[in-house]
């Protein structure tokens, strides 16, 4: 089984922080980052895409139903 290595979350460029300082920094960074992406689900009645015009259709009686949804 191969083990995948993830890139480090933080990288210290200067200085020599101790474990407590790194833990505090990591806690701040992780508290600002959402755990999962927010999904904004809009109900059908408030979806603005329904107000956009749809493509033209052809066929018998289409002109009567052209304004129906």
PDB file of N, CA and C in Angstrom:
ATOM      1  N   UNK A   1       0.849  -1.166   0.000  1.00  0.00           N
ATOM      2  CA  UNK A   1       0.000   0.000   0.000  1.00  0.00           C
ATOM      3  C   UNK A   1       0.904   1.241   0.000  1.00  0.00           C
ATOM      4  N   UNK A   2       0.622   2.180  -0.889  1.00  0.00           N
ATOM      5  CA  UNK A   2       1.425   3.402  -0.925  1.00  0.00           C
ATOM      6  C   UNK A   2       0.820   4.447  -0.009  1.00  0.00           C
ATOM      7  N   UNK A   3       1.689   5.190   0.587  1.00  0.00           N
ATOM      8  CA  UNK A   3       1.249   6.218   1.521  1.00  0.00           C
ATOM      9  C   UNK A   3       1.380   7.581   0.847  1.00  0.00           C
ATOM     10  N   UNK A   4       0.273   8.306   0.750  1.00  0.00           N
ATOM     11  CA  UNK A   4       0.296   9.630   0.142  1.00  0.00           C
ATOM     12  C   UNK A   4       0.706  10.656   1.186  1.00  0.00           C
ATOM     13  N   UNK A   5       1.590  11.523   0.789  1.00  0.00           N
ATOM     14  CA  UNK A   5       2.039  12.578   1.701  1.00  0.00           C
ATOM     15  C   UNK A   5       1.403  13.891   1.278  1.00  0.00           C
ATOM     16  N   UNK A   6       0.730  14.491   2.205  1.00  0.00           N
ATOM     17  CA  UNK A   6       0.105  15.788   1.940  1.00  0.00           C
ATOM     18  C   UNK A   6       1.126  16.893   2.188  1.00  0.00           C
ATOM     19  N   UNK A   7       0.915  18.009   1.508  1.00  0.00           N
ATOM     20  CA  UNK A   7       1.791  19.149   1.736  1.00  0.00           C
ATOM     21  C   UNK A   7       1.529  19.706   3.129  1.00  0.00           C
ATOM     22  N   UNK A   8       2.542  20.269   3.761  1.00  0.00           N
ATOM     23  CA  UNK A   8       2.343  20.811   5.107  1.00  0.00           C
ATOM     24  C   UNK A   8       1.376  21.993   5.086  1.00  0.00           C
ATOM     25  N   UNK A   9       0.610  22.114   6.152  1.00  0.00           N
ATOM     26  CA  UNK A   9      -0.344  23.213   6.267  1.00  0.00           C
ATOM     27  C   UNK A   9       0.396  24.522   6.496  1.00  0.00           C
ATOM     28  N   UNK A  10       1.397  24.485   7.324  1.00  0.00           N
ATOM     29  CA  UNK A  10       2.196  25.670   7.644  1.00  0.00           C
ATOM     30  C   UNK A  10       3.671  25.361   7.430  1.00  0.00           C
ATOM     31  N   UNK A  11       4.411  26.413   7.125  1.00  0.00           N
ATOM     32  CA  UNK A  11       5.859  26.269   6.990  1.00  0.00           C
ATOM     33  C   UNK A  11       6.512  27.452   7.691  1.00  0.00           C
ATOM     34  N   UNK A  12       7.413  27.173   8.593  1.00  0.00           N
ATOM     35  CA  UNK A  12       8.115  28.227   9.326  1.00  0.00           C
ATOM     36  C   UNK A  12       9.263  28.705   8.448  1.00  0.00           C
ATOM     37  N   UNK A  13       9.245  30.005   8.131  1.00  0.00           N
ATOM     38  CA  UNK A  13      10.269  30.571   7.263  1.00  0.00           C
ATOM     39  C   UNK A  13      11.406  31.174   8.080  1.00  0.00           C
ATOM     40  N   UNK A  14      11.049  31.824   9.176  1.00  0.00           N
ATOM     41  CA  UNK A  14      12.060  32.436  10.051  1.00  0.00           C
ATOM     42  C   UNK A  14      11.744  32.125  11.506  1.00  0.00           C
ATOM     43  N   UNK A  15      12.765  32.135  12.291  1.00  0.00           N
ATOM     44  CA  UNK A  15      12.573  31.943  13.721  1.00  0.00           C
ATOM     45  C   UNK A  15      12.546  30.472  14.102  1.00  0.00           C
ATOM     46  N   UNK A  16      12.364  30.258  15.380  1.00  0.00           N
ATOM     47  CA  UNK A  16      12.325  28.899  15.917  1.00  0.00           C
ATOM     48  C   UNK A  16      11.195  28.821  16.937  1.00  0.00           C
ATOM     49  N   UNK A  17       9.940  28.686  16.460  1.00  0.00           N
ATOM     50  CA  UNK A  17       8.815  28.655  17.398  1.00  0.00           C
ATOM     51  C   UNK A  17       8.793  27.346  18.183  1.00  0.00           C
ATOM     52  N   UNK A  18       8.333  27.441  19.421  1.00  0.00           N
ATOM     53  CA  UNK A  18       8.201  26.224  20.220  1.00  0.00           C
ATOM     54  C   UNK A  18       6.843  25.576  19.916  1.00  0.00           C
ATOM     55  N   UNK A  19       6.587  24.452  20.536  1.00  0.00           N
ATOM     56  CA  UNK A  19       5.366  23.693  20.257  1.00  0.00           C
ATOM     57  C   UNK A  19       4.103  24.472  20.616  1.00  0.00           C
ATOM     58  N   UNK A  20       4.146  25.235  21.698  1.00  0.00           N
ATOM     59  CA  UNK A  20       2.966  26.006  22.106  1.00  0.00           C
ATOM     60  C   UNK A  20       2.636  27.101  21.094  1.00  0.00           C
ATOM     61  N   UNK A  21       3.660  27.761  20.582  1.00  0.00           N
ATOM     62  CA  UNK A  21       3.433  28.809  19.590  1.00  0.00           C
ATOM     63  C   UNK A  21       2.875  28.227  18.289  1.00  0.00           C
ATOM     64  N   UNK A  22       3.405  27.101  17.865  1.00  0.00           N
ATOM     65  CA  UNK A  22       2.882  26.450  16.659  1.00  0.00           C
ATOM     66  C   UNK A  22       1.445  25.989  16.857  1.00  0.00           C
ATOM     67  N   UNK A  23       1.154  25.467  18.033  1.00  0.00           N
ATOM     68  CA  UNK A  23      -0.214  25.025  18.320  1.00  0.00           C
ATOM     69  C   UNK A  23      -1.178  26.203  18.315  1.00  0.00           C
ATOM     70  N   UNK A  24      -0.762  27.334  18.866  1.00  0.00           N
ATOM     71  CA  UNK A  24      -1.618  28.525  18.873  1.00  0.00           C
ATOM     72  C   UNK A  24      -1.842  29.040  17.457  1.00  0.00           C
ATOM     73  N   UNK A  25      -0.789  29.066  16.659  1.00  0.00           N
ATOM     74  CA  UNK A  25      -0.917  29.518  15.273  1.00  0.00           C
ATOM     75  C   UNK A  25      -1.813  28.585  14.473  1.00  0.00           C
ATOM     76  N   UNK A  26      -1.641  27.306  14.646  1.00  0.00           N
ATOM     77  CA  UNK A  26      -2.467  26.335  13.933  1.00  0.00           C
ATOM     78  C   UNK A  26      -3.928  26.429  14.357  1.00  0.00           C
ATOM     79  N   UNK A  27      -4.174  26.670  15.630  1.00  0.00           N
ATOM     80  CA  UNK A  27      -5.554  26.824  16.105  1.00  0.00           C
ATOM     81  C   UNK A  27      -6.216  28.040  15.474  1.00  0.00           C
ATOM     82  N   UNK A  28      -5.478  29.130  15.344  1.00  0.00           N
ATOM     83  CA  UNK A  28      -6.032  30.340  14.725  1.00  0.00           C
ATOM     84  C   UNK A  28      -6.320  30.098  13.249  1.00  0.00           C
ATOM     85  N   UNK A  29      -5.384  29.481  12.547  1.00  0.00           N
ATOM     86  CA  UNK A  29      -5.567  29.236  11.109  1.00  0.00           C
ATOM     87  C   UNK A  29      -6.737  28.292  10.867  1.00  0.00           C
ATOM     88  N   UNK A  30      -6.827  27.232  11.640  1.00  0.00           N
ATOM     89  CA  UNK A  30      -7.907  26.266  11.442  1.00  0.00           C
ATOM     90  C   UNK A  30      -9.264  26.813  11.860  1.00  0.00           C
ATOM     91  N   UNK A  31      -9.285  27.742  12.801  1.00  0.00           N
ATOM     92  CA  UNK A  31     -10.572  28.320  13.198  1.00  0.00           C
ATOM     93  C   UNK A  31     -11.100  29.269  12.133  1.00  0.00           C
ATOM     94  N   UNK A  32     -10.242  29.815  11.311  1.00  0.00           N
ATOM     95  CA  UNK A  32     -10.655  30.737  10.259  1.00  0.00           C
ATOM     96  C   UNK A  32     -11.036  30.006   8.973  1.00  0.00           C
ATOM     97  N   UNK A  33     -10.677  28.759   8.831  1.00  0.00           N
ATOM     98  CA  UNK A  33     -10.935  27.985   7.627  1.00  0.00           C
ATOM     99  C   UNK A  33     -12.178  27.130   7.824  1.00  0.00           C
ATOM    100  N   UNK A  34     -13.163  27.215   6.917  1.00  0.00           N
ATOM    101  CA  UNK A  34     -14.353  26.367   7.066  1.00  0.00           C
ATOM    102  C   UNK A  34     -13.999  24.897   6.840  1.00  0.00           C
ATOM    103  N   UNK A  35     -14.625  24.039   7.603  1.00  0.00           N
ATOM    104  CA  UNK A  35     -14.350  22.605   7.494  1.00  0.00           C
ATOM    105  C   UNK A  35     -14.876  22.050   6.178  1.00  0.00           C
ATOM    106  N   UNK A  36     -16.049  22.484   5.773  1.00  0.00           N
ATOM    107  CA  UNK A  36     -16.627  22.046   4.505  1.00  0.00           C
ATOM    108  C   UNK A  36     -17.090  23.274   3.738  1.00  0.00           C
ATOM    109  N   UNK A  37     -17.051  23.202   2.426  1.00  0.00           N
ATOM    110  CA  UNK A  37     -17.528  24.354   1.658  1.00  0.00           C
ATOM    111  C   UNK A  37     -19.021  24.557   1.860  1.00  0.00           C
ATOM    112  N   UNK A  38     -19.416  25.796   1.938  1.00  0.00           N
ATOM    113  CA  UNK A  38     -20.831  26.120   2.144  1.00  0.00           C
ATOM    114  C   UNK A  38     -21.594  25.939   0.837  1.00  0.00           C
ATOM    115  N   UNK A  39     -22.649  25.170   0.886  1.00  0.00           N
ATOM    116  CA  UNK A  39     -23.507  24.975  -0.281  1.00  0.00           C
ATOM    117  C   UNK A  39     -24.746  25.826  -0.088  1.00  0.00           C
ATOM    118  N   UNK A  40     -24.908  26.769  -0.976  1.00  0.00           N
ATOM    119  CA  UNK A  40     -26.072  27.637  -0.904  1.00  0.00           C
ATOM    120  C   UNK A  40     -27.132  27.086  -1.843  1.00  0.00           C
ATOM    121  N   UNK A  41     -28.078  26.377  -1.279  1.00  0.00           N
ATOM    122  CA  UNK A  41     -29.154  25.803  -2.077  1.00  0.00           C
ATOM    123  C   UNK A  41     -30.326  26.766  -2.077  1.00  0.00           C
ATOM    124  N   UNK A  42     -30.713  27.181  -3.264  1.00  0.00           N
ATOM    125  CA  UNK A  42     -31.866  28.063  -3.382  1.00  0.00           C
ATOM    126  C   UNK A  42     -33.084  27.236  -3.746  1.00  0.00           C
ATOM    127  N   UNK A  43     -34.179  27.510  -3.103  1.00  0.00           N
ATOM    128  CA  UNK A  43     -35.404  26.840  -3.519  1.00  0.00           C
ATOM    129  C   UNK A  43     -35.797  27.296  -4.919  1.00  0.00           C
ATOM    130  N   UNK A  44     -36.577  26.495  -5.599  1.00  0.00           N
ATOM    131  CA  UNK A  44     -36.949  26.802  -6.974  1.00  0.00           C
ATOM    132  C   UNK A  44     -37.647  28.124  -7.149  1.00  0.00           C
ATOM    133  N   UNK A  45     -38.460  28.528  -6.208  1.00  0.00           N
ATOM    134  CA  UNK A  45     -39.217  29.764  -6.371  1.00  0.00           C
ATOM    135  C   UNK A  45     -38.343  31.004  -6.285  1.00  0.00           C
ATOM    136  N   UNK A  46     -37.171  30.915  -5.661  1.00  0.00           N
ATOM    137  CA  UNK A  46     -36.309  32.091  -5.557  1.00  0.00           C
ATOM    138  C   UNK A  46     -35.104  32.026  -6.493  1.00  0.00           C
ATOM    139  N   UNK A  47     -35.043  31.019  -7.332  1.00  0.00           N
ATOM    140  CA  UNK A  47     -33.929  30.877  -8.259  1.00  0.00           C
ATOM    141  C   UNK A  47     -34.087  31.865  -9.406  1.00  0.00           C
ATOM    142  N   UNK A  48     -33.135  32.746  -9.576  1.00  0.00           N
ATOM    143  CA  UNK A  48     -33.225  33.771 -10.613  1.00  0.00           C
ATOM    144  C   UNK A  48     -33.051  33.197 -12.013  1.00  0.00           C
ATOM    145  N   UNK A  49     -32.484  32.023 -12.124  1.00  0.00           N
ATOM    146  CA  UNK A  49     -32.293  31.419 -13.436  1.00  0.00           C
ATOM    147  C   UNK A  49     -33.624  31.081 -14.095  1.00  0.00           C
ATOM    148  N   UNK A  50     -34.678  30.908 -13.309  1.00  0.00           N
ATOM    149  CA  UNK A  50     -35.974  30.594 -13.909  1.00  0.00           C
ATOM    150  C   UNK A  50     -36.565  31.790 -14.640  1.00  0.00           C
ATOM    151  N   UNK A  51     -36.056  32.981 -14.363  1.00  0.00           N
ATOM    152  CA  UNK A  51     -36.559  34.172 -15.041  1.00  0.00           C
ATOM    153  C   UNK A  51     -35.897  34.399 -16.396  1.00  0.00           C
ATOM    154  N   UNK A  52     -34.834  33.676 -16.665  1.00  0.00           N
ATOM    155  CA  UNK A  52     -34.159  33.820 -17.945  1.00  0.00           C
ATOM    156  C   UNK A  52     -34.988  33.175 -19.046  1.00  0.00           C
ATOM    157  N   UNK A  53     -34.890  33.724 -20.214  1.00  0.00           N
ATOM    158  CA  UNK A  53     -35.654  33.193 -21.336  1.00  0.00           C
ATOM    159  C   UNK A  53     -35.044  31.874 -21.790  1.00  0.00           C
ATOM    160  N   UNK A  54     -35.883  30.923 -22.056  1.00  0.00           N
ATOM    161  CA  UNK A  54     -35.418  29.635 -22.558  1.00  0.00           C
ATOM    162  C   UNK A  54     -35.353  29.690 -24.073  1.00  0.00           C
ATOM    163  N   UNK A  55     -34.768  28.690 -24.670  1.00  0.00           N
ATOM    164  CA  UNK A  55     -34.645  28.635 -26.120  1.00  0.00           C
ATOM    165  C   UNK A  55     -35.996  28.508 -26.802  1.00  0.00           C
ATOM    166  N   UNK A  56     -36.051  28.953 -28.048  1.00  0.00           N
ATOM    167  CA  UNK A  56     -37.291  28.868 -28.816  1.00  0.00           C
ATOM    168  C   UNK A  56     -37.529  27.432 -29.254  1.00  0.00           C
ATOM    169  N   UNK A  57     -38.769  27.023 -29.219  1.00  0.00           N
ATOM    170  CA  UNK A  57     -39.141  25.674 -29.639  1.00  0.00           C
ATOM    171  C   UNK A  57     -40.039  25.768 -30.854  1.00  0.00           C
ATOM    172  N   UNK A  58     -40.078  24.709 -31.590  1.00  0.00           N
ATOM    173  CA  UNK A  58     -40.967  24.683 -32.750  1.00  0.00           C
ATOM    174  C   UNK A  58     -41.916  23.502 -32.617  1.00  0.00           C
ATOM    175  N   UNK A  59     -43.062  23.627 -33.246  1.00  0.00           N
ATOM    176  CA  UNK A  59     -44.040  22.555 -33.209  1.00  0.00           C
ATOM    177  C   UNK A  59     -45.440  23.113 -33.166  1.00  0.00           C
ATOM    178  N   UNK A  60     -46.426  22.244 -33.352  1.00  0.00           N
ATOM    179  CA  UNK A  60     -47.812  22.704 -33.354  1.00  0.00           C
ATOM    180  C   UNK A  60     -48.251  23.160 -31.959  1.00  0.00           C
ATOM    181  N   UNK A  61     -48.887  24.322 -31.893  1.00  0.00           N
ATOM    182  CA  UNK A  61     -49.420  24.829 -30.638  1.00  0.00           C
ATOM    183  C   UNK A  61     -48.393  25.434 -29.699  1.00  0.00           C
ATOM    184  N   UNK A  62     -47.159  25.576 -30.137  1.00  0.00           N
ATOM    185  CA  UNK A  62     -46.126  26.106 -29.255  1.00  0.00           C
ATOM    186  C   UNK A  62     -46.383  27.572 -28.928  1.00  0.00           C
ATOM    187  N   UNK A  63     -46.938  28.305 -29.861  1.00  0.00           N
ATOM    188  CA  UNK A  63     -47.179  29.727 -29.598  1.00  0.00           C
ATOM    189  C   UNK A  63     -48.149  29.915 -28.447  1.00  0.00           C
ATOM    190  N   UNK A  64     -49.092  28.978 -28.253  1.00  0.00           N
ATOM    191  CA  UNK A  64     -50.040  29.087 -27.141  1.00  0.00           C
ATOM    192  C   UNK A  64     -49.361  28.876 -25.790  1.00  0.00           C
ATOM    193  N   UNK A  65     -48.408  27.993 -25.765  1.00  0.00           N
ATOM    194  CA  UNK A  65     -47.746  27.661 -24.494  1.00  0.00           C
ATOM    195  C   UNK A  65     -46.421  28.398 -24.310  1.00  0.00           C
ATOM    196  N   UNK A  66     -46.151  29.392 -25.136  1.00  0.00           N
ATOM    197  CA  UNK A  66     -44.854  30.072 -25.064  1.00  0.00           C
ATOM    198  C   UNK A  66     -44.678  30.861 -23.773  1.00  0.00           C
ATOM    199  N   UNK A  67     -45.752  31.248 -23.117  1.00  0.00           N
ATOM    200  CA  UNK A  67     -45.622  32.004 -21.869  1.00  0.00           C
ATOM    201  C   UNK A  67     -45.837  31.133 -20.642  1.00  0.00           C
ATOM    202  N   UNK A  68     -46.157  29.870 -20.807  1.00  0.00           N
ATOM    203  CA  UNK A  68     -46.334  28.965 -19.671  1.00  0.00           C
ATOM    204  C   UNK A  68     -44.977  28.525 -19.155  1.00  0.00           C
ATOM    205  N   UNK A  69     -44.961  28.144 -17.917  1.00  0.00           N
ATOM    206  CA  UNK A  69     -43.716  27.604 -17.347  1.00  0.00           C
ATOM    207  C   UNK A  69     -43.937  26.194 -16.938  1.00  0.00           C
TER     208      UNK A  69
END
